[in-house]
Amino acid sequence: MGLKKAKASAASVKPARGSLHRSVAQDIGARILNGEFAPGTLLPNEAEWCASFGVSRTAVREAIKMLMAKGLILSRPKIGSRVQPRSQWNLLDRDVLAWYCAAANPIHFLVHMQQVREILEPETAALAAAHRTDEQMAEIENAFAAMAEAKTLIAWNNADVLFHQAILLAAGNELLVPLGLVIESALGNMFNYTASHRGDIGRTLPGHERILLAIRGKRPNAARLAVRRLLRDTGRVVEQVTSSAQKRGRVAMA
């Protein structure tokens, strides 16, 4: 089933020397995430992958190791490589999350990402208000200024991601840092979707300013509430998009 597609996609795999295995892993991983290779599927063997991608066995083996480390497959001698259950996939791995964002149903992704933000961001902002340094505050303010000056959706989204990253770094919790950096691409995807549906890329600027002022004033509860208020606005956009998609029959009703 997948080898013809592998040959077609192999034509676009033109990596620099030393990154062949990463390109092969990216291709296979993306096809696992988009459902071409479902959980439980036994993948083609080494020889078939070598022929499909035009690479050495060494490159294929390194790619398989990489995918195993990300929880996507389990490889055993004389049996081969089999796709793991979704519960085993490391969605907080930067590569896997990028593949997930590209492959996921947009509505499914928006709903789940909104839930993550509602869990994470209010308390992160409260921590930032309590612990931020002057240097960290300057980073938050610089990102906000870039949002205010943005003339395009791309510029706005880039600044928006930097704003939330700066708050996360200011929270002073080392365990939050890798989590926030990993979801960077997911936030970018979400902001692109919600901002484009709002129509006005600067409409939420006052909401971001309330967060900034609360953190600057070292008022944790005000920061927490300001984030929740901003997320309610995003939540309404997600609900509108979901409802519209359901009416058009793009999302299966439960």
C-alpha atoms as a PDB file:
ATOM      1  CA  MET A   1       0.000   0.000   0.000  1.00  0.00           C
ATOM      2  CA  GLY A   2       2.627   2.527   1.087  1.00  0.00           C
ATOM      3  CA  LEU A   3       5.577   1.743  -1.182  1.00  0.00           C
ATOM      4  CA  LYS A   4       4.306   3.560  -4.267  1.00  0.00           C
ATOM      5  CA  LYS A   5       3.720   6.632  -2.159  1.00  0.00           C
ATOM      6  CA  ALA A   6       7.124   6.188  -0.580  1.00  0.00           C
ATOM      7  CA  LYS A   7       8.762   6.198  -4.011  1.00  0.00           C
ATOM      8  CA  ALA A   8       6.894   9.355  -4.938  1.00  0.00           C
ATOM      9  CA  SER A   9       7.791  11.103  -1.718  1.00  0.00           C
ATOM     10  CA  ALA A  10      11.373   9.879  -1.923  1.00  0.00           C
ATOM     11  CA  ALA A  11      11.861  12.185  -4.881  1.00  0.00           C
ATOM     12  CA  SER A  12      11.383  15.119  -2.520  1.00  0.00           C
ATOM     13  CA  VAL A  13      13.757  13.698   0.075  1.00  0.00           C
ATOM     14  CA  LYS A  14      17.020  15.415  -0.853  1.00  0.00           C
ATOM     15  CA  PRO A  15      18.763  15.878   2.477  1.00  0.00           C
ATOM     16  CA  ALA A  16      22.262  17.030   3.123  1.00  0.00           C
ATOM     17  CA  ARG A  17      24.840  14.374   3.845  1.00  0.00           C
ATOM     18  CA  GLY A  18      24.512  13.116   7.418  1.00  0.00           C
ATOM     19  CA  SER A  19      20.775  13.783   7.631  1.00  0.00           C
ATOM     20  CA  LEU A  20      19.490  11.013   5.379  1.00  0.00           C
ATOM     21  CA  HIS A  21      18.145   9.028   8.298  1.00  0.00           C
ATOM     22  CA  ARG A  22      16.301  12.079   9.664  1.00  0.00           C
ATOM     23  CA  SER A  23      14.606  12.692   6.310  1.00  0.00           C
ATOM     24  CA  VAL A  24      13.579   9.046   6.062  1.00  0.00           C
ATOM     25  CA  ALA A  25      12.272   9.118   9.648  1.00  0.00           C
ATOM     26  CA  GLN A  26      10.327  12.310   8.911  1.00  0.00           C
ATOM     27  CA  ASP A  27       8.654  10.760   5.871  1.00  0.00           C
ATOM     28  CA  ILE A  28       7.701   7.542   7.644  1.00  0.00           C
ATOM     29  CA  GLY A  29       6.696   9.360  10.824  1.00  0.00           C
ATOM     30  CA  ALA A  30       4.438  11.797   8.992  1.00  0.00           C
ATOM     31  CA  ARG A  31       2.696   8.910   7.234  1.00  0.00           C
ATOM     32  CA  ILE A  32       2.134   7.174  10.564  1.00  0.00           C
ATOM     33  CA  LEU A  33       0.628  10.353  12.008  1.00  0.00           C
ATOM     34  CA  ASN A  34      -1.647  10.906   8.998  1.00  0.00           C
ATOM     35  CA  GLY A  35      -3.004   7.352   9.247  1.00  0.00           C
ATOM     36  CA  GLU A  36      -1.407   5.785   6.193  1.00  0.00           C
ATOM     37  CA  PHE A  37       0.279   3.310   8.526  1.00  0.00           C
ATOM     38  CA  ALA A  38      -2.253   2.629  11.275  1.00  0.00           C
ATOM     39  CA  PRO A  39      -1.380   1.306  14.746  1.00  0.00           C
ATOM     40  CA  GLY A  40      -0.608  -2.398  14.553  1.00  0.00           C
ATOM     41  CA  THR A  41       0.559  -2.188  10.928  1.00  0.00           C
ATOM     42  CA  LEU A  42       3.734  -4.093  10.075  1.00  0.00           C
ATOM     43  CA  LEU A  43       5.936  -1.700   8.117  1.00  0.00           C
ATOM     44  CA  PRO A  44       7.952  -2.607   4.996  1.00  0.00           C
ATOM     45  CA  ASN A  45      11.290  -4.258   5.736  1.00  0.00           C
ATOM     46  CA  GLU A  46      14.724  -2.653   5.448  1.00  0.00           C
ATOM     47  CA  ALA A  47      15.296  -3.768   1.877  1.00  0.00           C
ATOM     48  CA  GLU A  48      11.962  -2.315   0.754  1.00  0.00           C
ATOM     49  CA  TRP A  49      12.655   1.022   2.456  1.00  0.00           C
ATOM     50  CA  CYS A  50      16.133   1.134   0.921  1.00  0.00           C
ATOM     51  CA  ALA A  51      14.671   0.626  -2.536  1.00  0.00           C
ATOM     52  CA  SER A  52      11.881   3.140  -1.930  1.00  0.00           C
ATOM     53  CA  PHE A  53      14.092   5.947  -0.671  1.00  0.00           C
ATOM     54  CA  GLY A  54      17.284   5.074  -2.492  1.00  0.00           C
ATOM     55  CA  VAL A  55      19.292   5.056   0.736  1.00  0.00           C
ATOM     56  CA  SER A  56      21.562   2.609   2.547  1.00  0.00           C
ATOM     57  CA  ARG A  57      20.523   0.106   5.195  1.00  0.00           C
ATOM     58  CA  THR A  58      22.432   2.208   7.708  1.00  0.00           C
ATOM     59  CA  ALA A  59      20.215   5.218   7.014  1.00  0.00           C
ATOM     60  CA  VAL A  60      17.077   3.104   7.315  1.00  0.00           C
ATOM     61  CA  ARG A  61      18.238   1.543  10.568  1.00  0.00           C
ATOM     62  CA  GLU A  62      19.016   4.940  12.061  1.00  0.00           C
ATOM     63  CA  ALA A  63      15.588   6.183  10.975  1.00  0.00           C
ATOM     64  CA  ILE A  64      13.934   3.188  12.616  1.00  0.00           C
ATOM     65  CA  LYS A  65      15.862   3.844  15.836  1.00  0.00           C
ATOM     66  CA  MET A  66      14.730   7.439  15.752  1.00  0.00           C
ATOM     67  CA  LEU A  67      11.080   6.470  15.325  1.00  0.00           C
ATOM     68  CA  MET A  68      11.373   3.911  18.121  1.00  0.00           C
ATOM     69  CA  ALA A  69      12.752   6.587  20.450  1.00  0.00           C
ATOM     70  CA  LYS A  70       9.691   8.727  19.664  1.00  0.00           C
ATOM     71  CA  GLY A  71       7.352   5.864  20.559  1.00  0.00           C
ATOM     72  CA  LEU A  72       5.910   5.509  17.061  1.00  0.00           C
ATOM     73  CA  ILE A  73       7.123   2.009  16.262  1.00  0.00           C
ATOM     74  CA  LEU A  74       8.485  -1.121  17.903  1.00  0.00           C
ATOM     75  CA  SER A  75      11.123  -3.048  15.971  1.00  0.00           C
ATOM     76  CA  ARG A  76      12.115  -6.632  16.721  1.00  0.00           C
ATOM     77  CA  PRO A  77      14.564  -9.006  14.989  1.00  0.00           C
ATOM     78  CA  LYS A  78      12.961 -11.462  12.553  1.00  0.00           C
ATOM     79  CA  ILE A  79       9.577  -9.773  13.055  1.00  0.00           C
ATOM     80  CA  GLY A  80      10.119  -6.269  11.731  1.00  0.00           C
ATOM     81  CA  SER A  81       8.805  -2.852  12.682  1.00  0.00           C
ATOM     82  CA  ARG A  82       5.224  -2.423  13.800  1.00  0.00           C
ATOM     83  CA  VAL A  83       3.359   0.815  14.459  1.00  0.00           C
ATOM     84  CA  GLN A  84       2.707   1.336  18.151  1.00  0.00           C
ATOM     85  CA  PRO A  85      -0.704   2.244  19.648  1.00  0.00           C
ATOM     86  CA  ARG A  86      -1.379   5.981  19.720  1.00  0.00           C
ATOM     87  CA  SER A  87      -1.092   5.906  23.517  1.00  0.00           C
ATOM     88  CA  GLN A  88       2.622   5.165  23.105  1.00  0.00           C
ATOM     89  CA  TRP A  89       3.373   8.073  20.764  1.00  0.00           C
ATOM     90  CA  ASN A  90       5.440  10.848  22.309  1.00  0.00           C
ATOM     91  CA  LEU A  91       3.379  13.813  21.168  1.00  0.00           C
ATOM     92  CA  LEU A  92       5.570  16.156  23.205  1.00  0.00           C
ATOM     93  CA  ASP A  93       8.531  15.351  21.007  1.00  0.00           C
ATOM     94  CA  ARG A  94       9.126  18.368  18.763  1.00  0.00           C
ATOM     95  CA  ASP A  95       9.195  16.312  15.537  1.00  0.00           C
ATOM     96  CA  VAL A  96       6.167  14.194  16.430  1.00  0.00           C
ATOM     97  CA  LEU A  97       4.169  17.256  17.409  1.00  0.00           C
ATOM     98  CA  ALA A  98       4.988  18.933  14.100  1.00  0.00           C
ATOM     99  CA  TRP A  99       3.833  15.839  12.212  1.00  0.00           C
ATOM    100  CA  TYR A 100       0.732  15.693  14.380  1.00  0.00           C
ATOM    101  CA  CYS A 101      -0.128  19.334  13.656  1.00  0.00           C
ATOM    102  CA  ALA A 102       0.204  18.703   9.934  1.00  0.00           C
ATOM    103  CA  ALA A 103      -1.827  15.490   9.957  1.00  0.00           C
ATOM    104  CA  ALA A 104      -4.510  16.091  12.581  1.00  0.00           C
ATOM    105  CA  ASN A 105      -8.075  17.028  11.802  1.00  0.00           C
ATOM    106  CA  PRO A 106      -8.011  20.834  12.213  1.00  0.00           C
ATOM    107  CA  ILE A 107     -11.041  20.866  14.488  1.00  0.00           C
ATOM    108  CA  HIS A 108      -9.738  18.008  16.633  1.00  0.00           C
ATOM    109  CA  PHE A 109      -6.407  19.826  16.932  1.00  0.00           C
ATOM    110  CA  LEU A 110      -7.989  23.177  17.831  1.00  0.00           C
ATOM    111  CA  VAL A 111     -10.156  21.681  20.586  1.00  0.00           C
ATOM    112  CA  HIS A 112      -7.283  19.742  22.154  1.00  0.00           C
ATOM    113  CA  MET A 113      -4.848  22.645  21.910  1.00  0.00           C
ATOM    114  CA  GLN A 114      -7.379  24.961  23.522  1.00  0.00           C
ATOM    115  CA  GLN A 115      -7.690  22.516  26.422  1.00  0.00           C
ATOM    116  CA  VAL A 116      -3.910  22.449  26.860  1.00  0.00           C
ATOM    117  CA  ARG A 117      -3.775  26.240  26.905  1.00  0.00           C
ATOM    118  CA  GLU A 118      -6.563  26.485  29.490  1.00  0.00           C
ATOM    119  CA  ILE A 119      -4.678  24.086  31.759  1.00  0.00           C
ATOM    120  CA  LEU A 120      -1.226  25.606  31.319  1.00  0.00           C
ATOM    121  CA  GLU A 121      -1.335  29.319  30.581  1.00  0.00           C
ATOM    122  CA  PRO A 122      -3.279  30.927  33.474  1.00  0.00           C
ATOM    123  CA  GLU A 123      -0.998  29.453  36.124  1.00  0.00           C
ATOM    124  CA  THR A 124       2.100  30.108  34.024  1.00  0.00           C
ATOM    125  CA  ALA A 125       1.170  33.791  33.838  1.00  0.00           C
ATOM    126  CA  ALA A 126       0.540  33.884  37.587  1.00  0.00           C
ATOM    127  CA  LEU A 127       3.987  32.413  38.213  1.00  0.00           C
ATOM    128  CA  ALA A 128       5.523  34.933  35.823  1.00  0.00           C
ATOM    129  CA  ALA A 129       3.880  37.781  37.725  1.00  0.00           C
ATOM    130  CA  ALA A 130       5.349  36.456  40.946  1.00  0.00           C
ATOM    131  CA  HIS A 131       8.845  35.617  39.747  1.00  0.00           C
ATOM    132  CA  ARG A 132       9.733  37.589  36.610  1.00  0.00           C
ATOM    133  CA  THR A 133      12.957  39.579  36.444  1.00  0.00           C
ATOM    134  CA  ASP A 134      13.357  42.966  34.810  1.00  0.00           C
ATOM    135  CA  GLU A 135      15.122  41.302  31.858  1.00  0.00           C
ATOM    136  CA  GLN A 136      12.293  38.803  31.429  1.00  0.00           C
ATOM    137  CA  MET A 137       9.738  41.598  31.627  1.00  0.00           C
ATOM    138  CA  ALA A 138      11.594  43.381  28.848  1.00  0.00           C
ATOM    139  CA  GLU A 139      11.288  40.267  26.654  1.00  0.00           C
ATOM    140  CA  ILE A 140       7.534  40.133  27.250  1.00  0.00           C
ATOM    141  CA  GLU A 141       7.229  43.829  26.416  1.00  0.00           C
ATOM    142  CA  ASN A 142       9.338  43.445  23.261  1.00  0.00           C
ATOM    143  CA  ALA A 143       7.095  40.637  22.031  1.00  0.00           C
ATOM    144  CA  PHE A 144       4.009  42.726  22.781  1.00  0.00           C
ATOM    145  CA  ALA A 145       5.484  45.664  20.878  1.00  0.00           C
ATOM    146  CA  ALA A 146       6.097  43.385  17.896  1.00  0.00           C
ATOM    147  CA  MET A 147       2.445  42.296  18.054  1.00  0.00           C
ATOM    148  CA  ALA A 148       1.315  45.920  18.110  1.00  0.00           C
ATOM    149  CA  GLU A 149       3.471  46.728  15.083  1.00  0.00           C
ATOM    150  CA  ALA A 150       2.509  43.621  13.083  1.00  0.00           C
ATOM    151  CA  LYS A 151       0.968  44.318   9.684  1.00  0.00           C
ATOM    152  CA  THR A 152       0.611  40.728   8.489  1.00  0.00           C
ATOM    153  CA  LEU A 153      -0.790  37.519   9.925  1.00  0.00           C
ATOM    154  CA  ILE A 154       2.639  35.892   9.843  1.00  0.00           C
ATOM    155  CA  ALA A 155       4.260  38.760  11.758  1.00  0.00           C
ATOM    156  CA  TRP A 156       1.414  38.776  14.288  1.00  0.00           C
ATOM    157  CA  ASN A 157       1.583  35.030  14.908  1.00  0.00           C
ATOM    158  CA  ASN A 158       5.361  35.025  15.284  1.00  0.00           C
ATOM    159  CA  ALA A 159       5.156  37.806  17.855  1.00  0.00           C
ATOM    160  CA  ASP A 160       2.212  36.128  19.602  1.00  0.00           C
ATOM    161  CA  VAL A 161       4.193  32.900  20.036  1.00  0.00           C
ATOM    162  CA  LEU A 162       7.171  34.889  21.363  1.00  0.00           C
ATOM    163  CA  PHE A 163       4.876  36.670  23.834  1.00  0.00           C
ATOM    164  CA  HIS A 164       3.639  33.420  25.331  1.00  0.00           C
ATOM    165  CA  GLN A 165       7.114  31.886  25.316  1.00  0.00           C
ATOM    166  CA  ALA A 166       8.500  34.891  27.167  1.00  0.00           C
ATOM    167  CA  ILE A 167       5.825  34.521  29.835  1.00  0.00           C
ATOM    168  CA  LEU A 168       6.631  30.832  30.195  1.00  0.00           C
ATOM    169  CA  LEU A 169      10.346  31.553  30.622  1.00  0.00           C
ATOM    170  CA  ALA A 170       9.511  34.219  33.207  1.00  0.00           C
ATOM    171  CA  ALA A 171       7.512  31.730  35.288  1.00  0.00           C
ATOM    172  CA  GLY A 172      10.736  30.509  36.873  1.00  0.00           C
ATOM    173  CA  ASN A 173       9.873  26.815  36.686  1.00  0.00           C
ATOM    174  CA  GLU A 174      12.527  24.854  34.801  1.00  0.00           C
ATOM    175  CA  LEU A 175      10.175  21.933  34.155  1.00  0.00           C
ATOM    176  CA  LEU A 176       7.783  24.194  32.243  1.00  0.00           C
ATOM    177  CA  VAL A 177      10.442  25.424  29.833  1.00  0.00           C
ATOM    178  CA  PRO A 178      10.861  22.291  27.665  1.00  0.00           C
ATOM    179  CA  LEU A 179       7.104  21.786  27.616  1.00  0.00           C
ATOM    180  CA  GLY A 180       6.525  25.291  26.337  1.00  0.00           C
ATOM    181  CA  LEU A 181       9.272  25.154  23.755  1.00  0.00           C
ATOM    182  CA  VAL A 182       7.950  21.857  22.437  1.00  0.00           C
ATOM    183  CA  ILE A 183       4.439  23.225  21.848  1.00  0.00           C
ATOM    184  CA  GLU A 184       5.800  26.275  20.004  1.00  0.00           C
ATOM    185  CA  SER A 185       4.829  24.926  16.589  1.00  0.00           C
ATOM    186  CA  ALA A 186       1.414  23.879  17.874  1.00  0.00           C
ATOM    187  CA  LEU A 187       0.738  27.390  19.162  1.00  0.00           C
ATOM    188  CA  GLY A 188       1.800  28.825  15.815  1.00  0.00           C
ATOM    189  CA  ASN A 189      -0.659  26.572  14.010  1.00  0.00           C
ATOM    190  CA  MET A 190      -3.458  27.461  16.386  1.00  0.00           C
ATOM    191  CA  PHE A 191      -2.808  31.199  16.253  1.00  0.00           C
ATOM    192  CA  ASN A 192      -2.746  31.083  12.469  1.00  0.00           C
ATOM    193  CA  TYR A 193      -6.134  29.383  12.410  1.00  0.00           C
ATOM    194  CA  THR A 194      -7.892  31.493  15.051  1.00  0.00           C
ATOM    195  CA  ALA A 195      -6.453  34.834  13.915  1.00  0.00           C
ATOM    196  CA  SER A 196      -7.473  34.192  10.317  1.00  0.00           C
ATOM    197  CA  HIS A 197     -11.021  33.382  11.435  1.00  0.00           C
ATOM    198  CA  ARG A 198     -11.255  36.529  13.554  1.00  0.00           C
ATOM    199  CA  GLY A 199     -10.502  38.649  10.539  1.00  0.00           C
ATOM    200  CA  ASP A 200      -8.658  41.353  12.491  1.00  0.00           C
ATOM    201  CA  ILE A 201      -5.207  40.253  13.594  1.00  0.00           C
ATOM    202  CA  GLY A 202      -4.968  42.988  16.208  1.00  0.00           C
ATOM    203  CA  ARG A 203      -8.322  42.469  17.865  1.00  0.00           C
ATOM    204  CA  THR A 204      -6.923  40.624  20.893  1.00  0.00           C
ATOM    205  CA  LEU A 205      -4.125  43.130  21.522  1.00  0.00           C
ATOM    206  CA  PRO A 206      -5.955  44.700  24.518  1.00  0.00           C
ATOM    207  CA  GLY A 207      -6.287  41.243  26.056  1.00  0.00           C
ATOM    208  CA  HIS A 208      -2.581  40.656  25.717  1.00  0.00           C
ATOM    209  CA  GLU A 209      -1.915  44.087  27.184  1.00  0.00           C
ATOM    210  CA  ARG A 210      -3.950  43.224  30.291  1.00  0.00           C
ATOM    211  CA  ILE A 211      -1.737  40.187  30.783  1.00  0.00           C
ATOM    212  CA  LEU A 212       1.395  42.272  30.310  1.00  0.00           C
ATOM    213  CA  LEU A 213       0.269  44.937  32.800  1.00  0.00           C
ATOM    214  CA  ALA A 214      -0.602  42.337  35.430  1.00  0.00           C
ATOM    215  CA  ILE A 215       2.795  40.678  35.095  1.00  0.00           C
ATOM    216  CA  ARG A 216       4.575  44.034  35.110  1.00  0.00           C
ATOM    217  CA  GLY A 217       2.693  44.973  38.288  1.00  0.00           C
ATOM    218  CA  LYS A 218       3.541  41.614  39.868  1.00  0.00           C
ATOM    219  CA  ARG A 219      -0.128  40.763  40.397  1.00  0.00           C
ATOM    220  CA  PRO A 220      -0.445  36.967  39.992  1.00  0.00           C
ATOM    221  CA  ASN A 221      -4.209  36.732  40.350  1.00  0.00           C
ATOM    222  CA  ALA A 222      -4.796  39.570  37.882  1.00  0.00           C
ATOM    223  CA  ALA A 223      -2.465  37.836  35.416  1.00  0.00           C
ATOM    224  CA  ARG A 224      -4.320  34.557  35.863  1.00  0.00           C
ATOM    225  CA  LEU A 225      -7.684  36.225  35.259  1.00  0.00           C
ATOM    226  CA  ALA A 226      -6.404  38.177  32.262  1.00  0.00           C
ATOM    227  CA  VAL A 227      -5.241  34.981  30.591  1.00  0.00           C
ATOM    228  CA  ARG A 228      -8.545  33.259  31.280  1.00  0.00           C
ATOM    229  CA  ARG A 229     -10.360  36.226  29.745  1.00  0.00           C
ATOM    230  CA  LEU A 230      -8.167  36.031  26.633  1.00  0.00           C
ATOM    231  CA  LEU A 231      -8.706  32.280  26.381  1.00  0.00           C
ATOM    232  CA  ARG A 232     -12.469  32.720  26.590  1.00  0.00           C
ATOM    233  CA  ASP A 233     -12.226  34.823  23.437  1.00  0.00           C
ATOM    234  CA  THR A 234     -10.168  32.127  21.711  1.00  0.00           C
ATOM    235  CA  GLY A 235     -12.582  29.498  22.995  1.00  0.00           C
ATOM    236  CA  ARG A 236     -15.489  31.274  21.332  1.00  0.00           C
ATOM    237  CA  VAL A 237     -13.613  31.223  18.020  1.00  0.00           C
ATOM    238  CA  VAL A 238     -12.903  27.507  18.409  1.00  0.00           C
ATOM    239  CA  GLU A 239     -16.575  26.850  19.182  1.00  0.00           C
ATOM    240  CA  GLN A 240     -17.690  28.852  16.150  1.00  0.00           C
ATOM    241  CA  VAL A 241     -15.301  27.019  13.851  1.00  0.00           C
ATOM    242  CA  THR A 242     -16.322  23.644  15.299  1.00  0.00           C
ATOM    243  CA  SER A 243     -20.026  24.422  15.011  1.00  0.00           C
ATOM    244  CA  SER A 244     -19.614  25.614  11.413  1.00  0.00           C
ATOM    245  CA  ALA A 245     -17.675  22.480  10.484  1.00  0.00           C
ATOM    246  CA  GLN A 246     -20.293  20.246  12.086  1.00  0.00           C
ATOM    247  CA  LYS A 247     -23.044  21.942  10.112  1.00  0.00           C
ATOM    248  CA  ARG A 248     -21.113  21.307   6.919  1.00  0.00           C
ATOM    249  CA  GLY A 249     -20.696  17.682   7.894  1.00  0.00           C
ATOM    250  CA  ARG A 250     -16.926  17.866   8.248  1.00  0.00           C
ATOM    251  CA  VAL A 251     -16.892  16.568  11.797  1.00  0.00           C
ATOM    252  CA  ALA A 252     -18.631  13.359  12.819  1.00  0.00           C
ATOM    253  CA  MET A 253     -21.162  13.985  15.530  1.00  0.00           C
ATOM    254  CA  ALA A 254     -20.764  11.949  18.703  1.00  0.00           C
END
